[in-house]
Amino acid sequence: AEQTGLNVYTVTQFCFDPAAIIRWIKRLRDLGIEHRVRIGMA
């Protein structure tokens, strides 16, 4: 997306476990993925 000039962000599938969401975002940051994340809620 970035190579083709698009702004990009992540939208999560809904999840019922806040700790799982936090762990997942931390893994992204550890991988150097710093883009915006929109949290999906049911």
PDB file of all heavy atoms in Angstrom:
ATOM      1  N   ALA A   1       0.833  -1.205   0.000  1.00  0.00           N
ATOM      2  CA  ALA A   1       0.000   0.000   0.000  1.00  0.00           C
ATOM      3  C   ALA A   1       0.866   1.253   0.000  1.00  0.00           C
ATOM      4  O   ALA A   1       0.622   2.202  -0.750  1.00  0.00           O
ATOM      5  CB  ALA A   1      -0.928  -0.012   1.216  1.00  0.00           C
ATOM      6  N   GLU A   2       1.894   1.254   0.836  1.00  0.00           N
ATOM      7  CA  GLU A   2       2.764   2.427   0.914  1.00  0.00           C
ATOM      8  C   GLU A   2       3.537   2.622  -0.392  1.00  0.00           C
ATOM      9  O   GLU A   2       3.718   3.756  -0.849  1.00  0.00           O
ATOM     10  CB  GLU A   2       3.724   2.281   2.086  1.00  0.00           C
ATOM     11  CG  GLU A   2       3.017   2.378   3.438  1.00  0.00           C
ATOM     12  CD  GLU A   2       3.989   2.312   4.591  1.00  0.00           C
ATOM     13  OE1 GLU A   2       5.046   1.667   4.442  1.00  0.00           O
ATOM     14  OE2 GLU A   2       3.697   2.917   5.643  1.00  0.00           O
ATOM     15  N   GLN A   3       3.987   1.533  -0.992  1.00  0.00           N
ATOM     16  CA  GLN A   3       4.733   1.630  -2.244  1.00  0.00           C
ATOM     17  C   GLN A   3       3.882   2.200  -3.375  1.00  0.00           C
ATOM     18  O   GLN A   3       4.401   2.818  -4.311  1.00  0.00           O
ATOM     19  CB  GLN A   3       5.261   0.252  -2.657  1.00  0.00           C
ATOM     20  CG  GLN A   3       6.340  -0.312  -1.747  1.00  0.00           C
ATOM     21  CD  GLN A   3       7.642   0.479  -1.802  1.00  0.00           C
ATOM     22  OE1 GLN A   3       7.990   1.022  -2.849  1.00  0.00           O
ATOM     23  NE2 GLN A   3       8.343   0.557  -0.689  1.00  0.00           N
ATOM     24  N   THR A   4       2.564   2.001  -3.281  1.00  0.00           N
ATOM     25  CA  THR A   4       1.675   2.486  -4.332  1.00  0.00           C
ATOM     26  C   THR A   4       0.991   3.798  -3.958  1.00  0.00           C
ATOM     27  O   THR A   4       0.055   4.223  -4.627  1.00  0.00           O
ATOM     28  CB  THR A   4       0.604   1.433  -4.670  1.00  0.00           C
ATOM     29  OG1 THR A   4      -0.082   1.040  -3.470  1.00  0.00           O
ATOM     30  CG2 THR A   4       1.239   0.200  -5.297  1.00  0.00           C
ATOM     31  N   GLY A   5       1.444   4.417  -2.860  1.00  0.00           N
ATOM     32  CA  GLY A   5       0.954   5.739  -2.508  1.00  0.00           C
ATOM     33  C   GLY A   5      -0.330   5.785  -1.712  1.00  0.00           C
ATOM     34  O   GLY A   5      -0.961   6.848  -1.587  1.00  0.00           O
ATOM     35  N   LEU A   6      -0.748   4.662  -1.149  1.00  0.00           N
ATOM     36  CA  LEU A   6      -1.969   4.628  -0.349  1.00  0.00           C
ATOM     37  C   LEU A   6      -1.640   4.798   1.133  1.00  0.00           C
ATOM     38  O   LEU A   6      -0.658   4.230   1.626  1.00  0.00           O
ATOM     39  CB  LEU A   6      -2.695   3.296  -0.536  1.00  0.00           C
ATOM     40  CG  LEU A   6      -3.329   3.021  -1.901  1.00  0.00           C
ATOM     41  CD1 LEU A   6      -3.697   1.547  -2.008  1.00  0.00           C
ATOM     42  CD2 LEU A   6      -4.551   3.894  -2.112  1.00  0.00           C
ATOM     43  N   ASN A   7      -2.455   5.565   1.844  1.00  0.00           N
ATOM     44  CA  ASN A   7      -2.398   5.547   3.303  1.00  0.00           C
ATOM     45  C   ASN A   7      -2.997   4.217   3.759  1.00  0.00           C
ATOM     46  O   ASN A   7      -3.949   3.702   3.154  1.00  0.00           O
ATOM     47  CB  ASN A   7      -3.188   6.705   3.897  1.00  0.00           C
ATOM     48  CG  ASN A   7      -2.566   8.046   3.589  1.00  0.00           C
ATOM     49  OD1 ASN A   7      -1.343   8.182   3.541  1.00  0.00           O
ATOM     50  ND2 ASN A   7      -3.388   9.051   3.347  1.00  0.00           N
ATOM     51  N   VAL A   8      -2.465   3.665   4.847  1.00  0.00           N
ATOM     52  CA  VAL A   8      -2.919   2.342   5.268  1.00  0.00           C
ATOM     53  C   VAL A   8      -3.002   2.282   6.787  1.00  0.00           C
ATOM     54  O   VAL A   8      -2.221   2.918   7.500  1.00  0.00           O
ATOM     55  CB  VAL A   8      -1.972   1.244   4.719  1.00  0.00           C
ATOM     56  CG1 VAL A   8      -0.554   1.422   5.235  1.00  0.00           C
ATOM     57  CG2 VAL A   8      -2.486  -0.147   5.047  1.00  0.00           C
ATOM     58  N   TYR A   9      -3.974   1.529   7.283  1.00  0.00           N
ATOM     59  CA  TYR A   9      -4.142   1.303   8.716  1.00  0.00           C
ATOM     60  C   TYR A   9      -4.766  -0.071   8.889  1.00  0.00           C
ATOM     61  O   TYR A   9      -5.134  -0.739   7.907  1.00  0.00           O
ATOM     62  CB  TYR A   9      -5.028   2.384   9.353  1.00  0.00           C
ATOM     63  CG  TYR A   9      -6.435   2.425   8.812  1.00  0.00           C
ATOM     64  CD1 TYR A   9      -7.477   1.799   9.477  1.00  0.00           C
ATOM     65  CD2 TYR A   9      -6.723   3.077   7.618  1.00  0.00           C
ATOM     66  CE1 TYR A   9      -8.764   1.814   8.978  1.00  0.00           C
ATOM     67  CE2 TYR A   9      -8.003   3.103   7.107  1.00  0.00           C
ATOM     68  CZ  TYR A   9      -9.021   2.469   7.789  1.00  0.00           C
ATOM     69  OH  TYR A   9     -10.289   2.480   7.287  1.00  0.00           O
ATOM     70  N   THR A  10      -4.894  -0.513  10.124  1.00  0.00           N
ATOM     71  CA  THR A  10      -5.433  -1.840  10.407  1.00  0.00           C
ATOM     72  C   THR A  10      -6.755  -1.724  11.150  1.00  0.00           C
ATOM     73  O   THR A  10      -6.902  -0.890  12.045  1.00  0.00           O
ATOM     74  CB  THR A  10      -4.447  -2.655  11.262  1.00  0.00           C
ATOM     75  OG1 THR A  10      -3.204  -2.760  10.560  1.00  0.00           O
ATOM     76  CG2 THR A  10      -4.977  -4.049  11.537  1.00  0.00           C
ATOM     77  N   VAL A  11      -7.705  -2.559  10.778  1.00  0.00           N
ATOM     78  CA  VAL A  11      -8.984  -2.681  11.471  1.00  0.00           C
ATOM     79  C   VAL A  11      -9.063  -4.101  12.016  1.00  0.00           C
ATOM     80  O   VAL A  11      -8.956  -5.066  11.246  1.00  0.00           O
ATOM     81  CB  VAL A  11     -10.173  -2.430  10.526  1.00  0.00           C
ATOM     82  CG1 VAL A  11     -11.491  -2.545  11.287  1.00  0.00           C
ATOM     83  CG2 VAL A  11     -10.061  -1.067   9.872  1.00  0.00           C
ATOM     84  N   THR A  12      -9.255  -4.255  13.319  1.00  0.00           N
ATOM     85  CA  THR A  12      -9.263  -5.602  13.877  1.00  0.00           C
ATOM     86  C   THR A  12     -10.638  -6.253  13.797  1.00  0.00           C
ATOM     87  O   THR A  12     -11.664  -5.585  13.851  1.00  0.00           O
ATOM     88  CB  THR A  12      -8.816  -5.635  15.354  1.00  0.00           C
ATOM     89  OG1 THR A  12      -9.873  -5.183  16.194  1.00  0.00           O
ATOM     90  CG2 THR A  12      -7.570  -4.808  15.578  1.00  0.00           C
ATOM     91  N   GLN A  13     -10.620  -7.572  13.671  1.00  0.00           N
ATOM     92  CA  GLN A  13     -11.817  -8.364  13.890  1.00  0.00           C
ATOM     93  C   GLN A  13     -12.242  -8.150  15.342  1.00  0.00           C
ATOM     94  O   GLN A  13     -11.417  -7.868  16.212  1.00  0.00           O
ATOM     95  CB  GLN A  13     -11.474  -9.839  13.660  1.00  0.00           C
ATOM     96  CG  GLN A  13     -12.593 -10.812  13.883  1.00  0.00           C
ATOM     97  CD  GLN A  13     -13.752 -10.576  12.950  1.00  0.00           C
ATOM     98  OE1 GLN A  13     -14.588  -9.721  13.242  1.00  0.00           O
ATOM     99  NE2 GLN A  13     -13.809 -11.302  11.855  1.00  0.00           N
ATOM    100  N   PHE A  14     -13.534  -8.251  15.634  1.00  0.00           N
ATOM    101  CA  PHE A  14     -13.942  -8.054  17.030  1.00  0.00           C
ATOM    102  C   PHE A  14     -13.415  -9.189  17.893  1.00  0.00           C
ATOM    103  O   PHE A  14     -13.178 -10.304  17.421  1.00  0.00           O
ATOM    104  CB  PHE A  14     -15.452  -7.883  17.158  1.00  0.00           C
ATOM    105  CG  PHE A  14     -16.269  -9.111  16.855  1.00  0.00           C
ATOM    106  CD1 PHE A  14     -16.586 -10.011  17.853  1.00  0.00           C
ATOM    107  CD2 PHE A  14     -16.764  -9.336  15.578  1.00  0.00           C
ATOM    108  CE1 PHE A  14     -17.361 -11.132  17.590  1.00  0.00           C
ATOM    109  CE2 PHE A  14     -17.532 -10.448  15.296  1.00  0.00           C
ATOM    110  CZ  PHE A  14     -17.831 -11.354  16.300  1.00  0.00           C
ATOM    111  N   CYS A  15     -13.197  -8.888  19.144  1.00  0.00           N
ATOM    112  CA  CYS A  15     -12.577  -9.827  20.079  1.00  0.00           C
ATOM    113  C   CYS A  15     -13.129  -9.514  21.459  1.00  0.00           C
ATOM    114  O   CYS A  15     -13.393  -8.352  21.781  1.00  0.00           O
ATOM    115  CB  CYS A  15     -11.053  -9.657  20.048  1.00  0.00           C
ATOM    116  SG  CYS A  15     -10.130 -10.679  21.205  1.00  0.00           S
ATOM    117  N   PHE A  16     -13.331 -10.547  22.278  1.00  0.00           N
ATOM    118  CA  PHE A  16     -13.919 -10.343  23.600  1.00  0.00           C
ATOM    119  C   PHE A  16     -12.886 -10.301  24.719  1.00  0.00           C
ATOM    120  O   PHE A  16     -13.245 -10.221  25.887  1.00  0.00           O
ATOM    121  CB  PHE A  16     -14.925 -11.462  23.893  1.00  0.00           C
ATOM    122  CG  PHE A  16     -16.021 -11.564  22.871  1.00  0.00           C
ATOM    123  CD1 PHE A  16     -16.079 -12.629  21.990  1.00  0.00           C
ATOM    124  CD2 PHE A  16     -16.990 -10.577  22.775  1.00  0.00           C
ATOM    125  CE1 PHE A  16     -17.083 -12.724  21.042  1.00  0.00           C
ATOM    126  CE2 PHE A  16     -18.004 -10.658  21.831  1.00  0.00           C
ATOM    127  CZ  PHE A  16     -18.043 -11.730  20.965  1.00  0.00           C
ATOM    128  N   ASP A  17     -11.607 -10.350  24.379  1.00  0.00           N
ATOM    129  CA  ASP A  17     -10.547 -10.416  25.389  1.00  0.00           C
ATOM    130  C   ASP A  17      -9.608  -9.222  25.233  1.00  0.00           C
ATOM    131  O   ASP A  17      -8.770  -9.205  24.333  1.00  0.00           O
ATOM    132  CB  ASP A  17      -9.769 -11.726  25.222  1.00  0.00           C
ATOM    133  CG  ASP A  17      -8.674 -11.904  26.263  1.00  0.00           C
ATOM    134  OD1 ASP A  17      -8.512 -11.000  27.114  1.00  0.00           O
ATOM    135  OD2 ASP A  17      -7.976 -12.936  26.220  1.00  0.00           O
ATOM    136  N   PRO A  18      -9.727  -8.202  26.086  1.00  0.00           N
ATOM    137  CA  PRO A  18      -8.859  -7.026  25.958  1.00  0.00           C
ATOM    138  C   PRO A  18      -7.376  -7.378  26.020  1.00  0.00           C
ATOM    139  O   PRO A  18      -6.569  -6.785  25.298  1.00  0.00           O
ATOM    140  CB  PRO A  18      -9.270  -6.151  27.157  1.00  0.00           C
ATOM    141  CG  PRO A  18     -10.645  -6.604  27.507  1.00  0.00           C
ATOM    142  CD  PRO A  18     -10.704  -8.064  27.182  1.00  0.00           C
ATOM    143  N   ALA A  19      -7.005  -8.350  26.856  1.00  0.00           N
ATOM    144  CA  ALA A  19      -5.591  -8.721  26.974  1.00  0.00           C
ATOM    145  C   ALA A  19      -5.063  -9.273  25.656  1.00  0.00           C
ATOM    146  O   ALA A  19      -3.917  -9.020  25.275  1.00  0.00           O
ATOM    147  CB  ALA A  19      -5.405  -9.746  28.094  1.00  0.00           C
ATOM    148  N   ALA A  20      -5.899 -10.020  24.928  1.00  0.00           N
ATOM    149  CA  ALA A  20      -5.470 -10.563  23.633  1.00  0.00           C
ATOM    150  C   ALA A  20      -5.224  -9.439  22.637  1.00  0.00           C
ATOM    151  O   ALA A  20      -4.275  -9.493  21.842  1.00  0.00           O
ATOM    152  CB  ALA A  20      -6.531 -11.526  23.100  1.00  0.00           C
ATOM    153  N   ILE A  21      -6.062  -8.421  22.682  1.00  0.00           N
ATOM    154  CA  ILE A  21      -5.888  -7.280  21.783  1.00  0.00           C
ATOM    155  C   ILE A  21      -4.579  -6.559  22.096  1.00  0.00           C
ATOM    156  O   ILE A  21      -3.804  -6.217  21.192  1.00  0.00           O
ATOM    157  CB  ILE A  21      -7.080  -6.310  21.903  1.00  0.00           C
ATOM    158  CG1 ILE A  21      -8.367  -6.993  21.414  1.00  0.00           C
ATOM    159  CG2 ILE A  21      -6.829  -5.036  21.085  1.00  0.00           C
ATOM    160  CD1 ILE A  21      -9.622  -6.199  21.689  1.00  0.00           C
ATOM    161  N   ILE A  22      -4.317  -6.340  23.371  1.00  0.00           N
ATOM    162  CA  ILE A  22      -3.094  -5.639  23.775  1.00  0.00           C
ATOM    163  C   ILE A  22      -1.857  -6.440  23.368  1.00  0.00           C
ATOM    164  O   ILE A  22      -0.883  -5.893  22.853  1.00  0.00           O
ATOM    165  CB  ILE A  22      -3.114  -5.369  25.290  1.00  0.00           C
ATOM    166  CG1 ILE A  22      -4.207  -4.348  25.613  1.00  0.00           C
ATOM    167  CG2 ILE A  22      -1.755  -4.866  25.772  1.00  0.00           C
ATOM    168  CD1 ILE A  22      -4.507  -4.206  27.094  1.00  0.00           C
ATOM    169  N   ARG A  23      -1.889  -7.758  23.583  1.00  0.00           N
ATOM    170  CA  ARG A  23      -0.749  -8.605  23.190  1.00  0.00           C
ATOM    171  C   ARG A  23      -0.533  -8.536  21.683  1.00  0.00           C
ATOM    172  O   ARG A  23       0.606  -8.468  21.206  1.00  0.00           O
ATOM    173  CB  ARG A  23      -0.989 -10.061  23.619  1.00  0.00           C
ATOM    174  CG  ARG A  23      -0.866 -10.315  25.101  1.00  0.00           C
ATOM    175  CD  ARG A  23      -0.777 -11.808  25.392  1.00  0.00           C
ATOM    176  NE  ARG A  23      -1.959 -12.528  24.923  1.00  0.00           N
ATOM    177  CZ  ARG A  23      -3.036 -12.747  25.663  1.00  0.00           C
ATOM    178  NH1 ARG A  23      -3.100 -12.294  26.910  1.00  0.00           N
ATOM    179  NH2 ARG A  23      -4.065 -13.423  25.176  1.00  0.00           N
ATOM    180  N   TRP A  24      -1.628  -8.561  20.938  1.00  0.00           N
ATOM    181  CA  TRP A  24      -1.524  -8.544  19.477  1.00  0.00           C
ATOM    182  C   TRP A  24      -0.907  -7.229  18.992  1.00  0.00           C
ATOM    183  O   TRP A  24      -0.021  -7.234  18.136  1.00  0.00           O
ATOM    184  CB  TRP A  24      -2.919  -8.751  18.886  1.00  0.00           C
ATOM    185  CG  TRP A  24      -2.969  -8.777  17.398  1.00  0.00           C
ATOM    186  CD1 TRP A  24      -2.683  -9.835  16.581  1.00  0.00           C
ATOM    187  CD2 TRP A  24      -3.328  -7.698  16.544  1.00  0.00           C
ATOM    188  NE1 TRP A  24      -2.853  -9.479  15.267  1.00  0.00           N
ATOM    189  CE2 TRP A  24      -3.245  -8.173  15.213  1.00  0.00           C
ATOM    190  CE3 TRP A  24      -3.714  -6.379  16.762  1.00  0.00           C
ATOM    191  CZ2 TRP A  24      -3.538  -7.379  14.119  1.00  0.00           C
ATOM    192  CZ3 TRP A  24      -4.011  -5.580  15.680  1.00  0.00           C
ATOM    193  CH2 TRP A  24      -3.917  -6.082  14.369  1.00  0.00           C
ATOM    194  N   ILE A  25      -1.367  -6.112  19.550  1.00  0.00           N
ATOM    195  CA  ILE A  25      -0.804  -4.818  19.152  1.00  0.00           C
ATOM    196  C   ILE A  25       0.671  -4.741  19.534  1.00  0.00           C
ATOM    197  O   ILE A  25       1.499  -4.224  18.777  1.00  0.00           O
ATOM    198  CB  ILE A  25      -1.595  -3.657  19.783  1.00  0.00           C
ATOM    199  CG1 ILE A  25      -3.012  -3.626  19.200  1.00  0.00           C
ATOM    200  CG2 ILE A  25      -0.907  -2.320  19.539  1.00  0.00           C
ATOM    201  CD1 ILE A  25      -3.911  -2.596  19.829  1.00  0.00           C
ATOM    202  N   LYS A  26       1.021  -5.267  20.699  1.00  0.00           N
ATOM    203  CA  LYS A  26       2.426  -5.254  21.115  1.00  0.00           C
ATOM    204  C   LYS A  26       3.287  -6.044  20.130  1.00  0.00           C
ATOM    205  O   LYS A  26       4.402  -5.626  19.802  1.00  0.00           O
ATOM    206  CB  LYS A  26       2.579  -5.823  22.525  1.00  0.00           C
ATOM    207  CG  LYS A  26       4.001  -5.706  23.077  1.00  0.00           C
ATOM    208  CD  LYS A  26       4.086  -6.201  24.505  1.00  0.00           C
ATOM    209  CE  LYS A  26       5.484  -5.964  25.066  1.00  0.00           C
ATOM    210  NZ  LYS A  26       6.557  -6.596  24.285  1.00  0.00           N
ATOM    211  N   ARG A  27       2.772  -7.182  19.639  1.00  0.00           N
ATOM    212  CA  ARG A  27       3.532  -7.955  18.653  1.00  0.00           C
ATOM    213  C   ARG A  27       3.751  -7.141  17.384  1.00  0.00           C
ATOM    214  O   ARG A  27       4.838  -7.171  16.794  1.00  0.00           O
ATOM    215  CB  ARG A  27       2.804  -9.265  18.321  1.00  0.00           C
ATOM    216  CG  ARG A  27       2.913 -10.336  19.392  1.00  0.00           C
ATOM    217  CD  ARG A  27       2.578 -11.707  18.848  1.00  0.00           C
ATOM    218  NE  ARG A  27       1.223 -11.796  18.339  1.00  0.00           N
ATOM    219  CZ  ARG A  27       0.161 -12.090  19.076  1.00  0.00           C
ATOM    220  NH1 ARG A  27       0.301 -12.318  20.377  1.00  0.00           N
ATOM    221  NH2 ARG A  27      -1.033 -12.150  18.534  1.00  0.00           N
ATOM    222  N   LEU A  28       2.731  -6.410  16.962  1.00  0.00           N
ATOM    223  CA  LEU A  28       2.894  -5.552  15.784  1.00  0.00           C
ATOM    224  C   LEU A  28       3.998  -4.531  16.013  1.00  0.00           C
ATOM    225  O   LEU A  28       4.865  -4.321  15.147  1.00  0.00           O
ATOM    226  CB  LEU A  28       1.589  -4.810  15.470  1.00  0.00           C
ATOM    227  CG  LEU A  28       0.389  -5.610  15.000  1.00  0.00           C
ATOM    228  CD1 LEU A  28      -0.722  -4.662  14.562  1.00  0.00           C
ATOM    229  CD2 LEU A  28       0.755  -6.548  13.862  1.00  0.00           C
ATOM    230  N   ARG A  29       3.953  -3.878  17.172  1.00  0.00           N
ATOM    231  CA  ARG A  29       4.955  -2.847  17.464  1.00  0.00           C
ATOM    232  C   ARG A  29       6.348  -3.455  17.541  1.00  0.00           C
ATOM    233  O   ARG A  29       7.326  -2.853  17.093  1.00  0.00           O
ATOM    234  CB  ARG A  29       4.605  -2.124  18.778  1.00  0.00           C
ATOM    235  CG  ARG A  29       3.230  -1.435  18.788  1.00  0.00           C
ATOM    236  CD  ARG A  29       3.041  -0.516  17.595  1.00  0.00           C
ATOM    237  NE  ARG A  29       1.790   0.229  17.656  1.00  0.00           N
ATOM    238  CZ  ARG A  29       0.943   0.332  16.649  1.00  0.00           C
ATOM    239  NH1 ARG A  29       1.196  -0.273  15.501  1.00  0.00           N
ATOM    240  NH2 ARG A  29      -0.160   1.051  16.770  1.00  0.00           N
ATOM    241  N   ASP A  30       6.446  -4.655  18.109  1.00  0.00           N
ATOM    242  CA  ASP A  30       7.748  -5.329  18.184  1.00  0.00           C
ATOM    243  C   ASP A  30       8.288  -5.643  16.794  1.00  0.00           C
ATOM    244  O   ASP A  30       9.514  -5.704  16.589  1.00  0.00           O
ATOM    245  CB  ASP A  30       7.631  -6.625  18.992  1.00  0.00           C
ATOM    246  CG  ASP A  30       7.439  -6.371  20.484  1.00  0.00           C
ATOM    247  OD1 ASP A  30       7.684  -5.228  20.927  1.00  0.00           O
ATOM    248  OD2 ASP A  30       7.017  -7.305  21.189  1.00  0.00           O
ATOM    249  N   LEU A  31       7.381  -5.838  15.833  1.00  0.00           N
ATOM    250  CA  LEU A  31       7.795  -6.106  14.460  1.00  0.00           C
ATOM    251  C   LEU A  31       8.067  -4.825  13.675  1.00  0.00           C
ATOM    252  O   LEU A  31       8.404  -4.876  12.489  1.00  0.00           O
ATOM    253  CB  LEU A  31       6.711  -6.920  13.737  1.00  0.00           C
ATOM    254  CG  LEU A  31       6.514  -8.363  14.218  1.00  0.00           C
ATOM    255  CD1 LEU A  31       5.248  -8.954  13.614  1.00  0.00           C
ATOM    256  CD2 LEU A  31       7.727  -9.207  13.859  1.00  0.00           C
ATOM    257  N   GLY A  32       7.911  -3.690  14.342  1.00  0.00           N
ATOM    258  CA  GLY A  32       8.151  -2.414  13.676  1.00  0.00           C
ATOM    259  C   GLY A  32       6.958  -1.873  12.911  1.00  0.00           C
ATOM    260  O   GLY A  32       7.085  -0.905  12.164  1.00  0.00           O
ATOM    261  N   ILE A  33       5.793  -2.479  13.093  1.00  0.00           N
ATOM    262  CA  ILE A  33       4.568  -1.999  12.433  1.00  0.00           C
ATOM    263  C   ILE A  33       3.917  -0.965  13.347  1.00  0.00           C
ATOM    264  O   ILE A  33       3.351  -1.304  14.385  1.00  0.00           O
ATOM    265  CB  ILE A  33       3.604  -3.165  12.140  1.00  0.00           C
ATOM    266  CG1 ILE A  33       4.279  -4.172  11.202  1.00  0.00           C
ATOM    267  CG2 ILE A  33       2.305  -2.655  11.537  1.00  0.00           C
ATOM    268  CD1 ILE A  33       3.465  -5.435  10.962  1.00  0.00           C
ATOM    269  N   GLU A  34       4.016   0.285  12.965  1.00  0.00           N
ATOM    270  CA  GLU A  34       3.565   1.379  13.824  1.00  0.00           C
ATOM    271  C   GLU A  34       2.293   2.055  13.309  1.00  0.00           C
ATOM    272  O   GLU A  34       1.930   3.121  13.776  1.00  0.00           O
ATOM    273  CB  GLU A  34       4.683   2.439  13.941  1.00  0.00           C
ATOM    274  CG  GLU A  34       5.961   1.916  14.584  1.00  0.00           C
ATOM    275  CD  GLU A  34       5.791   1.628  16.070  1.00  0.00           C
ATOM    276  OE1 GLU A  34       4.808   2.139  16.663  1.00  0.00           O
ATOM    277  OE2 GLU A  34       6.631   0.902  16.627  1.00  0.00           O
ATOM    278  N   HIS A  35       1.638   1.458  12.347  1.00  0.00           N
ATOM    279  CA  HIS A  35       0.461   2.075  11.749  1.00  0.00           C
ATOM    280  C   HIS A  35      -0.722   2.082  12.720  1.00  0.00           C
ATOM    281  O   HIS A  35      -0.766   1.311  13.676  1.00  0.00           O
ATOM    282  CB  HIS A  35       0.083   1.341  10.462  1.00  0.00           C
ATOM    283  CG  HIS A  35       1.134   1.442   9.407  1.00  0.00           C
ATOM    284  ND1 HIS A  35       2.338   0.763   9.494  1.00  0.00           N
ATOM    285  CD2 HIS A  35       1.195   2.156   8.255  1.00  0.00           C
ATOM    286  CE1 HIS A  35       3.079   1.059   8.440  1.00  0.00           C
ATOM    287  NE2 HIS A  35       2.406   1.894   7.672  1.00  0.00           N
ATOM    288  N   ARG A  36      -1.678   2.945  12.414  1.00  0.00           N
ATOM    289  CA  ARG A  36      -2.863   3.058  13.259  1.00  0.00           C
ATOM    290  C   ARG A  36      -3.622   1.738  13.310  1.00  0.00           C
ATOM    291  O   ARG A  36      -3.674   0.996  12.335  1.00  0.00           O
ATOM    292  CB  ARG A  36      -3.812   4.135  12.713  1.00  0.00           C
ATOM    293  CG  ARG A  36      -3.358   5.557  12.926  1.00  0.00           C
ATOM    294  CD  ARG A  36      -4.373   6.522  12.346  1.00  0.00           C
ATOM    295  NE  ARG A  36      -4.504   6.362  10.894  1.00  0.00           N
ATOM    296  CZ  ARG A  36      -5.648   6.264  10.256  1.00  0.00           C
ATOM    297  NH1 ARG A  36      -6.791   6.272  10.928  1.00  0.00           N
ATOM    298  NH2 ARG A  36      -5.680   6.149   8.942  1.00  0.00           N
ATOM    299  N   VAL A  37      -4.228   1.473  14.453  1.00  0.00           N
ATOM    300  CA  VAL A  37      -5.063   0.294  14.632  1.00  0.00           C
ATOM    301  C   VAL A  37      -6.430   0.748  15.143  1.00  0.00           C
ATOM    302  O   VAL A  37      -6.520   1.447  16.149  1.00  0.00           O
ATOM    303  CB  VAL A  37      -4.439  -0.693  15.644  1.00  0.00           C
ATOM    304  CG1 VAL A  37      -5.395  -1.853  15.910  1.00  0.00           C
ATOM    305  CG2 VAL A  37      -3.098  -1.210  15.146  1.00  0.00           C
ATOM    306  N   ARG A  38      -7.469   0.361  14.424  1.00  0.00           N
ATOM    307  CA  ARG A  38      -8.832   0.598  14.892  1.00  0.00           C
ATOM    308  C   ARG A  38      -9.329  -0.712  15.501  1.00  0.00           C
ATOM    309  O   ARG A  38      -9.280  -1.763  14.860  1.00  0.00           O
ATOM    310  CB  ARG A  38      -9.735   1.035  13.746  1.00  0.00           C
ATOM    311  CG  ARG A  38      -9.326   2.363  13.117  1.00  0.00           C
ATOM    312  CD  ARG A  38     -10.339   2.844  12.090  1.00  0.00           C
ATOM    313  NE  ARG A  38     -11.568   3.286  12.706  1.00  0.00           N
ATOM    314  CZ  ARG A  38     -11.789   4.546  13.113  1.00  0.00           C
ATOM    315  NH1 ARG A  38     -10.862   5.470  12.952  1.00  0.00           N
ATOM    316  NH2 ARG A  38     -12.930   4.880  13.672  1.00  0.00           N
ATOM    317  N   ILE A  39      -9.803  -0.631  16.741  1.00  0.00           N
ATOM    318  CA  ILE A  39     -10.211  -1.823  17.483  1.00  0.00           C
ATOM    319  C   ILE A  39     -11.662  -2.165  17.165  1.00  0.00           C
ATOM    320  O   ILE A  39     -12.558  -1.343  17.364  1.00  0.00           O
ATOM    321  CB  ILE A  39     -10.058  -1.612  19.001  1.00  0.00           C
ATOM    322  CG1 ILE A  39      -8.629  -1.181  19.342  1.00  0.00           C
ATOM    323  CG2 ILE A  39     -10.442  -2.883  19.756  1.00  0.00           C
ATOM    324  CD1 ILE A  39      -7.581  -2.172  18.971  1.00  0.00           C
ATOM    325  N   GLY A  40     -11.897  -3.384  16.705  1.00  0.00           N
ATOM    326  CA  GLY A  40     -13.257  -3.822  16.420  1.00  0.00           C
ATOM    327  C   GLY A  40     -13.975  -4.257  17.687  1.00  0.00           C
ATOM    328  O   GLY A  40     -13.431  -5.005  18.501  1.00  0.00           O
ATOM    329  N   MET A  41     -15.208  -3.785  17.842  1.00  0.00           N
ATOM    330  CA  MET A  41     -16.026  -4.156  18.996  1.00  0.00           C
ATOM    331  C   MET A  41     -17.378  -4.631  18.489  1.00  0.00           C
ATOM    332  O   MET A  41     -17.937  -4.071  17.545  1.00  0.00           O
ATOM    333  CB  MET A  41     -16.200  -2.966  19.939  1.00  0.00           C
ATOM    334  CG  MET A  41     -14.887  -2.412  20.479  1.00  0.00           C
ATOM    335  SD  MET A  41     -15.108  -0.945  21.516  1.00  0.00           S
ATOM    336  CE  MET A  41     -15.903  -1.677  22.945  1.00  0.00           C
ATOM    337  N   ALA A  42     -17.915  -5.674  19.124  1.00  0.00           N
ATOM    338  CA  ALA A  42     -19.223  -6.189  18.717  1.00  0.00           C
ATOM    339  C   ALA A  42     -20.314  -5.207  19.111  1.00  0.00           C
ATOM    340  O   ALA A  42     -20.264  -4.595  20.185  1.00  0.00           O
ATOM    341  CB  ALA A  42     -19.470  -7.538  19.377  1.00  0.00           C
TER     342      ALA A  42
END
